[in-house]
Amino acid sequence: MIAPDARLRMSALFRMQFEPAQDSWVLLYPEGMVRLNTPAAEILRRCDGRRTVHEIVAELEQEFAQSPLHDDVVVFLGQALERGWLQ
């Protein structure tokens, strides 16, 4: 379980950028690229090491006028940590 006060950030092995040719956000890494869907990109863009998980969830709920998003965000963050995208 990821603590609500955890401050996650992108792993140094990955770089996130918008790719116009793909018309989507992607994660670039030495061996290739991962194309992100919109929810994944919105979550990862906020993982800057300053925001807490709680703050990220609150920001997403406000921006997209949807609630509750906590469980979905935490599940995705767990998967991103397992894949080494975040630290």
PDB file of N, CA and C in Angstrom:
ATOM      1  N   MET A   1       0.840  -1.185   0.000  1.00  0.00           N
ATOM      2  CA  MET A   1       0.000   0.000   0.000  1.00  0.00           C
ATOM      3  C   MET A   1       0.879   1.240   0.000  1.00  0.00           C
ATOM      4  N   ILE A   2       0.525   2.203  -0.791  1.00  0.00           N
ATOM      5  CA  ILE A   2       1.276   3.451  -0.887  1.00  0.00           C
ATOM      6  C   ILE A   2       0.687   4.448   0.106  1.00  0.00           C
ATOM      7  N   ALA A   3       1.539   5.036   0.905  1.00  0.00           N
ATOM      8  CA  ALA A   3       1.089   5.992   1.922  1.00  0.00           C
ATOM      9  C   ALA A   3       0.566   7.267   1.265  1.00  0.00           C
ATOM     10  N   PRO A   4      -0.490   7.861   1.834  1.00  0.00           N
ATOM     11  CA  PRO A   4      -1.045   9.097   1.279  1.00  0.00           C
ATOM     12  C   PRO A   4      -0.056  10.254   1.263  1.00  0.00           C
ATOM     13  N   ASP A   5       0.955  10.201   2.154  1.00  0.00           N
ATOM     14  CA  ASP A   5       1.931  11.292   2.198  1.00  0.00           C
ATOM     15  C   ASP A   5       3.199  10.987   1.397  1.00  0.00           C
ATOM     16  N   ALA A   6       3.190   9.876   0.639  1.00  0.00           N
ATOM     17  CA  ALA A   6       4.343   9.529  -0.203  1.00  0.00           C
ATOM     18  C   ALA A   6       4.494  10.573  -1.306  1.00  0.00           C
ATOM     19  N   ARG A   7       5.734  10.904  -1.615  1.00  0.00           N
ATOM     20  CA  ARG A   7       6.050  11.877  -2.674  1.00  0.00           C
ATOM     21  C   ARG A   7       6.858  11.140  -3.742  1.00  0.00           C
ATOM     22  N   LEU A   8       6.156  10.686  -4.755  1.00  0.00           N
ATOM     23  CA  LEU A   8       6.786   9.894  -5.807  1.00  0.00           C
ATOM     24  C   LEU A   8       7.293  10.795  -6.929  1.00  0.00           C
ATOM     25  N   ARG A   9       8.338  10.301  -7.601  1.00  0.00           N
ATOM     26  CA  ARG A   9       8.867  11.039  -8.751  1.00  0.00           C
ATOM     27  C   ARG A   9       9.328  10.044  -9.799  1.00  0.00           C
ATOM     28  N   MET A  10       9.489  10.556 -11.009  1.00  0.00           N
ATOM     29  CA  MET A  10       9.898   9.726 -12.129  1.00  0.00           C
ATOM     30  C   MET A  10      11.301   9.178 -11.885  1.00  0.00           C
ATOM     31  N   SER A  11      11.491   7.918 -12.218  1.00  0.00           N
ATOM     32  CA  SER A  11      12.806   7.293 -12.128  1.00  0.00           C
ATOM     33  C   SER A  11      13.745   7.976 -13.119  1.00  0.00           C
ATOM     34  N   ALA A  12      15.007   8.050 -12.768  1.00  0.00           N
ATOM     35  CA  ALA A  12      16.002   8.699 -13.629  1.00  0.00           C
ATOM     36  C   ALA A  12      16.163   7.988 -14.971  1.00  0.00           C
ATOM     37  N   LEU A  13      15.741   6.727 -15.064  1.00  0.00           N
ATOM     38  CA  LEU A  13      15.862   5.977 -16.315  1.00  0.00           C
ATOM     39  C   LEU A  13      14.787   6.335 -17.337  1.00  0.00           C
ATOM     40  N   PHE A  14      13.765   7.067 -16.900  1.00  0.00           N
ATOM     41  CA  PHE A  14      12.633   7.378 -17.771  1.00  0.00           C
ATOM     42  C   PHE A  14      12.470   8.882 -17.943  1.00  0.00           C
ATOM     43  N   ARG A  15      12.000   9.255 -19.122  1.00  0.00           N
ATOM     44  CA  ARG A  15      11.666  10.651 -19.387  1.00  0.00           C
ATOM     45  C   ARG A  15      10.286  10.688 -20.028  1.00  0.00           C
ATOM     46  N   MET A  16       9.454  11.553 -19.526  1.00  0.00           N
ATOM     47  CA  MET A  16       8.098  11.674 -20.050  1.00  0.00           C
ATOM     48  C   MET A  16       8.022  12.902 -20.939  1.00  0.00           C
ATOM     49  N   GLN A  17       7.409  12.734 -22.105  1.00  0.00           N
ATOM     50  CA  GLN A  17       7.231  13.880 -22.987  1.00  0.00           C
ATOM     51  C   GLN A  17       6.019  13.648 -23.886  1.00  0.00           C
ATOM     52  N   PHE A  18       5.477  14.756 -24.408  1.00  0.00           N
ATOM     53  CA  PHE A  18       4.377  14.644 -25.365  1.00  0.00           C
ATOM     54  C   PHE A  18       4.980  14.385 -26.732  1.00  0.00           C
ATOM     55  N   GLU A  19       4.481  13.380 -27.414  1.00  0.00           N
ATOM     56  CA  GLU A  19       4.974  12.996 -28.727  1.00  0.00           C
ATOM     57  C   GLU A  19       3.911  13.336 -29.768  1.00  0.00           C
ATOM     58  N   PRO A  20       4.101  14.431 -30.522  1.00  0.00           N
ATOM     59  CA  PRO A  20       3.093  14.837 -31.510  1.00  0.00           C
ATOM     60  C   PRO A  20       2.774  13.746 -32.539  1.00  0.00           C
ATOM     61  N   ALA A  21       3.780  12.993 -32.965  1.00  0.00           N
ATOM     62  CA  ALA A  21       3.544  11.937 -33.960  1.00  0.00           C
ATOM     63  C   ALA A  21       2.604  10.864 -33.411  1.00  0.00           C
ATOM     64  N   GLN A  22       2.651  10.628 -32.102  1.00  0.00           N
ATOM     65  CA  GLN A  22       1.779   9.647 -31.453  1.00  0.00           C
ATOM     66  C   GLN A  22       0.489  10.300 -30.962  1.00  0.00           C
ATOM     67  N   ASP A  23       0.473  11.631 -30.916  1.00  0.00           N
ATOM     68  CA  ASP A  23      -0.622  12.412 -30.334  1.00  0.00           C
ATOM     69  C   ASP A  23      -0.928  11.941 -28.918  1.00  0.00           C
ATOM     70  N   SER A  24       0.156  11.683 -28.161  1.00  0.00           N
ATOM     71  CA  SER A  24      -0.016  11.224 -26.780  1.00  0.00           C
ATOM     72  C   SER A  24       1.284  11.435 -26.005  1.00  0.00           C
ATOM     73  N   TRP A  25       1.163  11.299 -24.696  1.00  0.00           N
ATOM     74  CA  TRP A  25       2.327  11.321 -23.826  1.00  0.00           C
ATOM     75  C   TRP A  25       2.985   9.964 -23.881  1.00  0.00           C
ATOM     76  N   VAL A  26       4.310   9.967 -23.801  1.00  0.00           N
ATOM     77  CA  VAL A  26       5.069   8.727 -23.820  1.00  0.00           C
ATOM     78  C   VAL A  26       6.133   8.755 -22.726  1.00  0.00           C
ATOM     79  N   LEU A  27       6.549   7.578 -22.320  1.00  0.00           N
ATOM     80  CA  LEU A  27       7.706   7.424 -21.446  1.00  0.00           C
ATOM     81  C   LEU A  27       8.836   6.892 -22.308  1.00  0.00           C
ATOM     82  N   LEU A  28       9.928   7.628 -22.337  1.00  0.00           N
ATOM     83  CA  LEU A  28      11.097   7.190 -23.092  1.00  0.00           C
ATOM     84  C   LEU A  28      12.102   6.586 -22.134  1.00  0.00           C
ATOM     85  N   TYR A  29      12.749   5.514 -22.556  1.00  0.00           N
ATOM     86  CA  TYR A  29      13.789   4.872 -21.766  1.00  0.00           C
ATOM     87  C   TYR A  29      14.794   4.271 -22.742  1.00  0.00           C
ATOM     88  N   PRO A  30      15.978   3.889 -22.269  1.00  0.00           N
ATOM     89  CA  PRO A  30      17.034   3.446 -23.197  1.00  0.00           C
ATOM     90  C   PRO A  30      16.611   2.348 -24.172  1.00  0.00           C
ATOM     91  N   GLU A  31      15.731   1.443 -23.759  1.00  0.00           N
ATOM     92  CA  GLU A  31      15.351   0.333 -24.631  1.00  0.00           C
ATOM     93  C   GLU A  31      14.121   0.615 -25.489  1.00  0.00           C
ATOM     94  N   GLY A  32      13.482   1.756 -25.312  1.00  0.00           N
ATOM     95  CA  GLY A  32      12.294   1.999 -26.110  1.00  0.00           C
ATOM     96  C   GLY A  32      11.391   3.085 -25.586  1.00  0.00           C
ATOM     97  N   MET A  33      10.095   2.854 -25.764  1.00  0.00           N
ATOM     98  CA  MET A  33       9.093   3.860 -25.456  1.00  0.00           C
ATOM     99  C   MET A  33       7.806   3.174 -25.005  1.00  0.00           C
ATOM    100  N   VAL A  34       7.105   3.805 -24.065  1.00  0.00           N
ATOM    101  CA  VAL A  34       5.798   3.335 -23.617  1.00  0.00           C
ATOM    102  C   VAL A  34       4.807   4.441 -23.917  1.00  0.00           C
ATOM    103  N   ARG A  35       3.789   4.130 -24.705  1.00  0.00           N
ATOM    104  CA  ARG A  35       2.734   5.102 -24.991  1.00  0.00           C
ATOM    105  C   ARG A  35       1.739   5.064 -23.843  1.00  0.00           C
ATOM    106  N   LEU A  36       1.428   6.233 -23.292  1.00  0.00           N
ATOM    107  CA  LEU A  36       0.549   6.311 -22.125  1.00  0.00           C
ATOM    108  C   LEU A  36      -0.861   6.708 -22.529  1.00  0.00           C
ATOM    109  N   ASN A  37      -1.840   6.114 -21.861  1.00  0.00           N
ATOM    110  CA  ASN A  37      -3.206   6.594 -22.069  1.00  0.00           C
ATOM    111  C   ASN A  37      -3.372   7.883 -21.255  1.00  0.00           C
ATOM    112  N   THR A  38      -4.453   8.586 -21.462  1.00  0.00           N
ATOM    113  CA  THR A  38      -4.651   9.890 -20.825  1.00  0.00           C
ATOM    114  C   THR A  38      -4.638   9.823 -19.304  1.00  0.00           C
ATOM    115  N   PRO A  39      -5.366   8.899 -18.665  1.00  0.00           N
ATOM    116  CA  PRO A  39      -5.310   8.849 -17.202  1.00  0.00           C
ATOM    117  C   PRO A  39      -3.902   8.601 -16.664  1.00  0.00           C
ATOM    118  N   ALA A  40      -3.163   7.689 -17.286  1.00  0.00           N
ATOM    119  CA  ALA A  40      -1.801   7.405 -16.836  1.00  0.00           C
ATOM    120  C   ALA A  40      -0.927   8.644 -16.965  1.00  0.00           C
ATOM    121  N   ALA A  41      -1.042   9.343 -18.072  1.00  0.00           N
ATOM    122  CA  ALA A  41      -0.247  10.557 -18.277  1.00  0.00           C
ATOM    123  C   ALA A  41      -0.596  11.623 -17.249  1.00  0.00           C
ATOM    124  N   GLU A  42      -1.873  11.795 -16.965  1.00  0.00           N
ATOM    125  CA  GLU A  42      -2.280  12.819 -15.996  1.00  0.00           C
ATOM    126  C   GLU A  42      -1.741  12.514 -14.604  1.00  0.00           C
ATOM    127  N   ILE A  43      -1.716  11.247 -14.244  1.00  0.00           N
ATOM    128  CA  ILE A  43      -1.176  10.868 -12.935  1.00  0.00           C
ATOM    129  C   ILE A  43       0.335  11.072 -12.922  1.00  0.00           C
ATOM    130  N   LEU A  44       1.036  10.529 -13.912  1.00  0.00           N
ATOM    131  CA  LEU A  44       2.493  10.599 -13.926  1.00  0.00           C
ATOM    132  C   LEU A  44       3.015  12.028 -14.041  1.00  0.00           C
ATOM    133  N   ARG A  45       2.302  12.882 -14.763  1.00  0.00           N
ATOM    134  CA  ARG A  45       2.736  14.281 -14.884  1.00  0.00           C
ATOM    135  C   ARG A  45       2.787  14.975 -13.531  1.00  0.00           C
ATOM    136  N   ARG A  46       2.029  14.484 -12.587  1.00  0.00           N
ATOM    137  CA  ARG A  46       1.976  15.086 -11.252  1.00  0.00           C
ATOM    138  C   ARG A  46       2.975  14.463 -10.273  1.00  0.00           C
ATOM    139  N   CYS A  47       3.625  13.403 -10.673  1.00  0.00           N
ATOM    140  CA  CYS A  47       4.605  12.737  -9.802  1.00  0.00           C
ATOM    141  C   CYS A  47       5.948  13.447  -9.944  1.00  0.00           C
ATOM    142  N   ASP A  48       6.077  14.546  -9.223  1.00  0.00           N
ATOM    143  CA  ASP A  48       7.254  15.409  -9.339  1.00  0.00           C
ATOM    144  C   ASP A  48       8.125  15.406  -8.084  1.00  0.00           C
ATOM    145  N   GLY A  49       7.773  14.575  -7.110  1.00  0.00           N
ATOM    146  CA  GLY A  49       8.536  14.527  -5.873  1.00  0.00           C
ATOM    147  C   GLY A  49       8.141  15.592  -4.872  1.00  0.00           C
ATOM    148  N   ARG A  50       7.282  16.510  -5.272  1.00  0.00           N
ATOM    149  CA  ARG A  50       6.801  17.567  -4.373  1.00  0.00           C
ATOM    150  C   ARG A  50       5.392  17.283  -3.875  1.00  0.00           C
ATOM    151  N   ARG A  51       4.538  16.801  -4.777  1.00  0.00           N
ATOM    152  CA  ARG A  51       3.155  16.515  -4.401  1.00  0.00           C
ATOM    153  C   ARG A  51       3.071  15.168  -3.693  1.00  0.00           C
ATOM    154  N   THR A  52       2.197  15.106  -2.698  1.00  0.00           N
ATOM    155  CA  THR A  52       1.921  13.829  -2.047  1.00  0.00           C
ATOM    156  C   THR A  52       0.875  13.080  -2.873  1.00  0.00           C
ATOM    157  N   VAL A  53       0.742  11.805  -2.606  1.00  0.00           N
ATOM    158  CA  VAL A  53      -0.294  11.012  -3.273  1.00  0.00           C
ATOM    159  C   VAL A  53      -1.656  11.634  -2.994  1.00  0.00           C
ATOM    160  N   HIS A  54      -1.889  12.046  -1.760  1.00  0.00           N
ATOM    161  CA  HIS A  54      -3.153  12.688  -1.393  1.00  0.00           C
ATOM    162  C   HIS A  54      -3.389  13.935  -2.241  1.00  0.00           C
ATOM    163  N   GLU A  55      -2.363  14.755  -2.420  1.00  0.00           N
ATOM    164  CA  GLU A  55      -2.503  15.979  -3.221  1.00  0.00           C
ATOM    165  C   GLU A  55      -2.769  15.659  -4.691  1.00  0.00           C
ATOM    166  N   ILE A  56      -2.113  14.630  -5.209  1.00  0.00           N
ATOM    167  CA  ILE A  56      -2.335  14.228  -6.603  1.00  0.00           C
ATOM    168  C   ILE A  56      -3.782  13.788  -6.800  1.00  0.00           C
ATOM    169  N   VAL A  57      -4.278  12.968  -5.897  1.00  0.00           N
ATOM    170  CA  VAL A  57      -5.663  12.496  -5.992  1.00  0.00           C
ATOM    171  C   VAL A  57      -6.629  13.673  -5.924  1.00  0.00           C
ATOM    172  N   ALA A  58      -6.431  14.572  -4.976  1.00  0.00           N
ATOM    173  CA  ALA A  58      -7.320  15.725  -4.820  1.00  0.00           C
ATOM    174  C   ALA A  58      -7.303  16.602  -6.076  1.00  0.00           C
ATOM    175  N   GLU A  59      -6.120  16.806  -6.633  1.00  0.00           N
ATOM    176  CA  GLU A  59      -5.993  17.625  -7.844  1.00  0.00           C
ATOM    177  C   GLU A  59      -6.724  16.986  -9.021  1.00  0.00           C
ATOM    178  N   LEU A  60      -6.577  15.677  -9.185  1.00  0.00           N
ATOM    179  CA  LEU A  60      -7.254  14.976 -10.277  1.00  0.00           C
ATOM    180  C   LEU A  60      -8.768  14.996 -10.090  1.00  0.00           C
ATOM    181  N   GLU A  61      -9.231  14.783  -8.866  1.00  0.00           N
ATOM    182  CA  GLU A  61     -10.680  14.808  -8.605  1.00  0.00           C
ATOM    183  C   GLU A  61     -11.255  16.181  -8.918  1.00  0.00           C
ATOM    184  N   GLN A  62     -10.516  17.227  -8.590  1.00  0.00           N
ATOM    185  CA  GLN A  62     -11.003  18.583  -8.867  1.00  0.00           C
ATOM    186  C   GLN A  62     -10.963  18.881 -10.365  1.00  0.00           C
ATOM    187  N   GLU A  63      -9.848  18.575 -11.016  1.00  0.00           N
ATOM    188  CA  GLU A  63      -9.703  18.904 -12.433  1.00  0.00           C
ATOM    189  C   GLU A  63     -10.705  18.166 -13.314  1.00  0.00           C
ATOM    190  N   PHE A  64     -10.975  16.900 -12.978  1.00  0.00           N
ATOM    191  CA  PHE A  64     -11.854  16.103 -13.827  1.00  0.00           C
ATOM    192  C   PHE A  64     -13.250  15.921 -13.251  1.00  0.00           C
ATOM    193  N   ALA A  65     -13.521  16.598 -12.127  1.00  0.00           N
ATOM    194  CA  ALA A  65     -14.843  16.568 -11.488  1.00  0.00           C
ATOM    195  C   ALA A  65     -15.343  15.137 -11.313  1.00  0.00           C
ATOM    196  N   GLN A  66     -14.433  14.272 -10.833  1.00  0.00           N
ATOM    197  CA  GLN A  66     -14.792  12.885 -10.563  1.00  0.00           C
ATOM    198  C   GLN A  66     -14.283  12.513  -9.184  1.00  0.00           C
ATOM    199  N   SER A  67     -15.092  11.752  -8.508  1.00  0.00           N
ATOM    200  CA  SER A  67     -14.709  11.327  -7.167  1.00  0.00           C
ATOM    201  C   SER A  67     -15.448  10.033  -6.861  1.00  0.00           C
ATOM    202  N   PRO A  68     -14.897   9.130  -6.132  1.00  0.00           N
ATOM    203  CA  PRO A  68     -13.532   9.086  -5.610  1.00  0.00           C
ATOM    204  C   PRO A  68     -12.583   8.444  -6.621  1.00  0.00           C
ATOM    205  N   LEU A  69     -11.371   8.961  -6.704  1.00  0.00           N
ATOM    206  CA  LEU A  69     -10.354   8.412  -7.596  1.00  0.00           C
ATOM    207  C   LEU A  69      -9.196   7.757  -6.840  1.00  0.00           C
ATOM    208  N   HIS A  70      -9.216   7.863  -5.529  1.00  0.00           N
ATOM    209  CA  HIS A  70      -8.092   7.401  -4.723  1.00  0.00           C
ATOM    210  C   HIS A  70      -7.657   5.982  -5.056  1.00  0.00           C
ATOM    211  N   ASP A  71      -8.576   5.041  -5.018  1.00  0.00           N
ATOM    212  CA  ASP A  71      -8.210   3.627  -5.226  1.00  0.00           C
ATOM    213  C   ASP A  71      -7.605   3.401  -6.606  1.00  0.00           C
ATOM    214  N   ASP A  72      -8.202   3.996  -7.644  1.00  0.00           N
ATOM    215  CA  ASP A  72      -7.677   3.821  -9.007  1.00  0.00           C
ATOM    216  C   ASP A  72      -6.283   4.418  -9.141  1.00  0.00           C
ATOM    217  N   VAL A  73      -6.076   5.597  -8.555  1.00  0.00           N
ATOM    218  CA  VAL A  73      -4.760   6.246  -8.636  1.00  0.00           C
ATOM    219  C   VAL A  73      -3.718   5.419  -7.899  1.00  0.00           C
ATOM    220  N   VAL A  74      -4.046   4.934  -6.717  1.00  0.00           N
ATOM    221  CA  VAL A  74      -3.091   4.153  -5.927  1.00  0.00           C
ATOM    222  C   VAL A  74      -2.747   2.832  -6.631  1.00  0.00           C
ATOM    223  N   VAL A  75      -3.718   2.198  -7.239  1.00  0.00           N
ATOM    224  CA  VAL A  75      -3.442   0.960  -7.988  1.00  0.00           C
ATOM    225  C   VAL A  75      -2.477   1.260  -9.136  1.00  0.00           C
ATOM    226  N   PHE A  76      -2.742   2.332  -9.887  1.00  0.00           N
ATOM    227  CA  PHE A  76      -1.848   2.685 -10.990  1.00  0.00           C
ATOM    228  C   PHE A  76      -0.452   3.022 -10.484  1.00  0.00           C
ATOM    229  N   LEU A  77      -0.360   3.796  -9.410  1.00  0.00           N
ATOM    230  CA  LEU A  77       0.949   4.157  -8.864  1.00  0.00           C
ATOM    231  C   LEU A  77       1.724   2.909  -8.438  1.00  0.00           C
ATOM    232  N   GLY A  78       1.035   1.941  -7.866  1.00  0.00           N
ATOM    233  CA  GLY A  78       1.676   0.684  -7.499  1.00  0.00           C
ATOM    234  C   GLY A  78       2.244  -0.035  -8.717  1.00  0.00           C
ATOM    235  N   GLN A  79       1.480  -0.051  -9.797  1.00  0.00           N
ATOM    236  CA  GLN A  79       1.947  -0.684 -11.030  1.00  0.00           C
ATOM    237  C   GLN A  79       3.144   0.069 -11.603  1.00  0.00           C
ATOM    238  N   ALA A  80       3.094   1.397 -11.547  1.00  0.00           N
ATOM    239  CA  ALA A  80       4.198   2.212 -12.059  1.00  0.00           C
ATOM    240  C   ALA A  80       5.465   1.980 -11.234  1.00  0.00           C
ATOM    241  N   LEU A  81       5.303   1.832  -9.925  1.00  0.00           N
ATOM    242  CA  LEU A  81       6.459   1.532  -9.073  1.00  0.00           C
ATOM    243  C   LEU A  81       7.045   0.162  -9.414  1.00  0.00           C
ATOM    244  N   GLU A  82       6.185  -0.832  -9.605  1.00  0.00           N
ATOM    245  CA  GLU A  82       6.640  -2.181  -9.956  1.00  0.00           C
ATOM    246  C   GLU A  82       7.409  -2.187 -11.279  1.00  0.00           C
ATOM    247  N   ARG A  83       6.984  -1.356 -12.195  1.00  0.00           N
ATOM    248  CA  ARG A  83       7.640  -1.299 -13.514  1.00  0.00           C
ATOM    249  C   ARG A  83       8.901  -0.438 -13.496  1.00  0.00           C
ATOM    250  N   GLY A  84       9.150   0.210 -12.371  1.00  0.00           N
ATOM    251  CA  GLY A  84      10.335   1.040 -12.249  1.00  0.00           C
ATOM    252  C   GLY A  84      10.201   2.434 -12.819  1.00  0.00           C
ATOM    253  N   TRP A  85       8.977   2.826 -13.187  1.00  0.00           N
ATOM    254  CA  TRP A  85       8.765   4.162 -13.740  1.00  0.00           C
ATOM    255  C   TRP A  85       8.934   5.239 -12.671  1.00  0.00           C
ATOM    256  N   LEU A  86       8.547   4.895 -11.453  1.00  0.00           N
ATOM    257  CA  LEU A  86       8.580   5.852 -10.344  1.00  0.00           C
ATOM    258  C   LEU A  86       9.507   5.360  -9.254  1.00  0.00           C
ATOM    259  N   GLN A  87       9.905   6.305  -8.421  1.00  0.00           N
ATOM    260  CA  GLN A  87      10.673   5.965  -7.226  1.00  0.00           C
ATOM    261  C   GLN A  87      10.200   6.848  -6.089  1.00  0.00           C
TER     262      GLN A  87
END
